[in-house]
């Protein structure tokens, strides 16, 4: 018997045959309802697993692309630390200007009382 693991239908047929062999005793003992519930739960478990693996692979792809861009930038001689420092400085200046505006409003309230 040749089993084709290269496509999804072949893998599903293989698993269904194996499960049918294993579950024939369960079906005779516990009934079709329990067997159907077991099959539903197995399908749900497989679906959840596939979704988690796909999510992990997507995250890995994004991380790999980010790493590739960083390596490319470093090879071109771009200084990444100065970019981060500039953005940090601009963030700090925005915060300090907001604090100055808040202080002036606060001072105005104090003077008004």
C-alpha atoms as a PDB file:
ATOM      1  CA  UNK A   1       0.000   0.000   0.000  1.00  0.00           C
ATOM      2  CA  UNK A   2       1.491   3.298  -1.099  1.00  0.00           C
ATOM      3  CA  UNK A   3       0.890   6.294   1.145  1.00  0.00           C
ATOM      4  CA  UNK A   4       1.256   9.756  -0.363  1.00  0.00           C
ATOM      5  CA  UNK A   5       2.433  12.157   2.348  1.00  0.00           C
ATOM      6  CA  UNK A   6       3.154  14.892  -0.189  1.00  0.00           C
ATOM      7  CA  UNK A   7      -0.404  16.202  -0.308  1.00  0.00           C
ATOM      8  CA  UNK A   8      -2.962  16.934   2.377  1.00  0.00           C
ATOM      9  CA  UNK A   9      -5.558  14.468   1.117  1.00  0.00           C
ATOM     10  CA  UNK A  10      -3.077  11.592   1.321  1.00  0.00           C
ATOM     11  CA  UNK A  11      -2.104  12.494   4.877  1.00  0.00           C
ATOM     12  CA  UNK A  12      -5.758  12.801   5.911  1.00  0.00           C
ATOM     13  CA  UNK A  13      -6.607   9.429   4.373  1.00  0.00           C
ATOM     14  CA  UNK A  14      -3.705   7.811   6.213  1.00  0.00           C
ATOM     15  CA  UNK A  15      -4.757   9.335   9.542  1.00  0.00           C
ATOM     16  CA  UNK A  16      -8.408   8.425   8.981  1.00  0.00           C
ATOM     17  CA  UNK A  17      -7.490   4.801   8.274  1.00  0.00           C
ATOM     18  CA  UNK A  18      -5.332   4.601  11.397  1.00  0.00           C
ATOM     19  CA  UNK A  19      -7.986   6.285  13.537  1.00  0.00           C
ATOM     20  CA  UNK A  20     -10.692   3.996  12.173  1.00  0.00           C
ATOM     21  CA  UNK A  21      -8.607   0.986  13.182  1.00  0.00           C
ATOM     22  CA  UNK A  22      -7.929   2.391  16.659  1.00  0.00           C
ATOM     23  CA  UNK A  23     -11.442   3.665  17.253  1.00  0.00           C
ATOM     24  CA  UNK A  24     -13.364   0.611  16.100  1.00  0.00           C
ATOM     25  CA  UNK A  25     -13.188  -0.714  19.671  1.00  0.00           C
ATOM     26  CA  UNK A  26     -14.378   2.590  21.073  1.00  0.00           C
ATOM     27  CA  UNK A  27     -17.300   2.673  18.661  1.00  0.00           C
ATOM     28  CA  UNK A  28     -18.430  -0.806  19.691  1.00  0.00           C
ATOM     29  CA  UNK A  29     -18.083  -0.019  23.397  1.00  0.00           C
ATOM     30  CA  UNK A  30     -19.220   3.604  23.740  1.00  0.00           C
ATOM     31  CA  UNK A  31     -21.267   4.334  20.650  1.00  0.00           C
ATOM     32  CA  UNK A  32     -21.256   6.612  17.673  1.00  0.00           C
ATOM     33  CA  UNK A  33     -21.956   9.828  19.627  1.00  0.00           C
ATOM     34  CA  UNK A  34     -18.727   9.575  21.598  1.00  0.00           C
ATOM     35  CA  UNK A  35     -16.797   8.678  18.464  1.00  0.00           C
ATOM     36  CA  UNK A  36     -18.202  11.715  16.644  1.00  0.00           C
ATOM     37  CA  UNK A  37     -17.302  13.998  19.564  1.00  0.00           C
ATOM     38  CA  UNK A  38     -13.779  12.585  19.615  1.00  0.00           C
ATOM     39  CA  UNK A  39     -13.382  13.221  15.885  1.00  0.00           C
ATOM     40  CA  UNK A  40     -14.662  16.798  16.276  1.00  0.00           C
ATOM     41  CA  UNK A  41     -12.171  17.459  19.064  1.00  0.00           C
ATOM     42  CA  UNK A  42      -9.317  15.951  17.065  1.00  0.00           C
ATOM     43  CA  UNK A  43     -10.180  18.158  14.089  1.00  0.00           C
ATOM     44  CA  UNK A  44     -10.334  21.227  16.357  1.00  0.00           C
ATOM     45  CA  UNK A  45      -6.971  20.346  17.900  1.00  0.00           C
ATOM     46  CA  UNK A  46      -5.392  19.938  14.477  1.00  0.00           C
ATOM     47  CA  UNK A  47      -6.884  23.226  13.277  1.00  0.00           C
ATOM     48  CA  UNK A  48      -5.632  25.080  16.374  1.00  0.00           C
ATOM     49  CA  UNK A  49      -2.185  23.565  15.936  1.00  0.00           C
ATOM     50  CA  UNK A  50      -2.044  24.596  12.284  1.00  0.00           C
ATOM     51  CA  UNK A  51      -3.113  28.155  13.147  1.00  0.00           C
ATOM     52  CA  UNK A  52      -0.466  28.426  15.868  1.00  0.00           C
ATOM     53  CA  UNK A  53       2.243  27.090  13.568  1.00  0.00           C
ATOM     54  CA  UNK A  54       1.169  29.535  10.851  1.00  0.00           C
ATOM     55  CA  UNK A  55       1.292  32.411  13.349  1.00  0.00           C
ATOM     56  CA  UNK A  56       4.758  31.376  14.515  1.00  0.00           C
ATOM     57  CA  UNK A  57       5.974  31.103  10.930  1.00  0.00           C
ATOM     58  CA  UNK A  58       4.568  34.559  10.107  1.00  0.00           C
ATOM     59  CA  UNK A  59       6.317  36.044  13.155  1.00  0.00           C
ATOM     60  CA  UNK A  60       9.532  34.299  12.161  1.00  0.00           C
ATOM     61  CA  UNK A  61       9.253  35.686   8.640  1.00  0.00           C
ATOM     62  CA  UNK A  62       8.744  39.249   9.914  1.00  0.00           C
ATOM     63  CA  UNK A  63      11.667  38.882  12.308  1.00  0.00           C
ATOM     64  CA  UNK A  64      13.875  37.497   9.561  1.00  0.00           C
ATOM     65  CA  UNK A  65      12.977  40.355   7.218  1.00  0.00           C
ATOM     66  CA  UNK A  66      13.706  42.910   9.948  1.00  0.00           C
ATOM     67  CA  UNK A  67      17.063  41.275  10.669  1.00  0.00           C
ATOM     68  CA  UNK A  68      17.854  41.214   6.951  1.00  0.00           C
ATOM     69  CA  UNK A  69      17.123  44.945   6.641  1.00  0.00           C
ATOM     70  CA  UNK A  70      19.308  45.714   9.662  1.00  0.00           C
ATOM     71  CA  UNK A  71      22.189  43.680   8.259  1.00  0.00           C
ATOM     72  CA  UNK A  72      21.760  45.360   4.872  1.00  0.00           C
ATOM     73  CA  UNK A  73      21.808  48.810   6.498  1.00  0.00           C
ATOM     74  CA  UNK A  74      24.901  47.934   8.511  1.00  0.00           C
ATOM     75  CA  UNK A  75      26.677  46.659   5.402  1.00  0.00           C
ATOM     76  CA  UNK A  76      25.907  49.934   3.622  1.00  0.00           C
ATOM     77  CA  UNK A  77      27.506  51.806   6.502  1.00  0.00           C
ATOM     78  CA  UNK A  78      24.418  53.467   7.889  1.00  0.00           C
ATOM     79  CA  UNK A  79      24.750  54.394  11.546  1.00  0.00           C
ATOM     80  CA  UNK A  80      21.646  53.013  13.249  1.00  0.00           C
ATOM     81  CA  UNK A  81      22.586  54.312  16.696  1.00  0.00           C
ATOM     82  CA  UNK A  82      22.486  57.949  15.536  1.00  0.00           C
ATOM     83  CA  UNK A  83      18.995  57.406  14.107  1.00  0.00           C
ATOM     84  CA  UNK A  84      17.790  56.060  17.433  1.00  0.00           C
ATOM     85  CA  UNK A  85      19.482  58.902  19.337  1.00  0.00           C
ATOM     86  CA  UNK A  86      17.891  61.521  17.093  1.00  0.00           C
ATOM     87  CA  UNK A  87      14.436  60.033  17.544  1.00  0.00           C
ATOM     88  CA  UNK A  88      14.964  59.773  21.314  1.00  0.00           C
ATOM     89  CA  UNK A  89      16.064  63.426  21.461  1.00  0.00           C
ATOM     90  CA  UNK A  90      13.016  64.568  19.501  1.00  0.00           C
ATOM     91  CA  UNK A  91      10.741  62.573  21.821  1.00  0.00           C
ATOM     92  CA  UNK A  92      12.372  64.187  24.862  1.00  0.00           C
ATOM     93  CA  UNK A  93      12.014  67.687  23.385  1.00  0.00           C
ATOM     94  CA  UNK A  94       8.319  67.020  22.708  1.00  0.00           C
ATOM     95  CA  UNK A  95       7.839  65.915  26.314  1.00  0.00           C
ATOM     96  CA  UNK A  96       9.735  68.913  27.696  1.00  0.00           C
ATOM     97  CA  UNK A  97       7.687  71.355  25.578  1.00  0.00           C
ATOM     98  CA  UNK A  98       4.483  69.678  26.819  1.00  0.00           C
ATOM     99  CA  UNK A  99       5.726  69.985  30.400  1.00  0.00           C
ATOM    100  CA  UNK A 100       6.513  73.666  29.826  1.00  0.00           C
ATOM    101  CA  UNK A 101       2.992  74.266  28.523  1.00  0.00           C
ATOM    102  CA  UNK A 102       1.533  72.417  31.507  1.00  0.00           C
ATOM    103  CA  UNK A 103       3.696  74.360  33.930  1.00  0.00           C
ATOM    104  CA  UNK A 104       2.656  77.668  32.464  1.00  0.00           C
ATOM    105  CA  UNK A 105      -1.019  76.723  32.749  1.00  0.00           C
ATOM    106  CA  UNK A 106      -0.410  75.539  36.300  1.00  0.00           C
ATOM    107  CA  UNK A 107       1.418  78.747  37.137  1.00  0.00           C
ATOM    108  CA  UNK A 108      -1.440  80.780  35.689  1.00  0.00           C
ATOM    109  CA  UNK A 109      -3.907  78.967  37.906  1.00  0.00           C
ATOM    110  CA  UNK A 110      -1.729  79.553  40.958  1.00  0.00           C
ATOM    111  CA  UNK A 111      -1.399  83.249  40.194  1.00  0.00           C
ATOM    112  CA  UNK A 112      -5.146  83.572  39.658  1.00  0.00           C
ATOM    113  CA  UNK A 113      -5.948  82.292  43.155  1.00  0.00           C
END
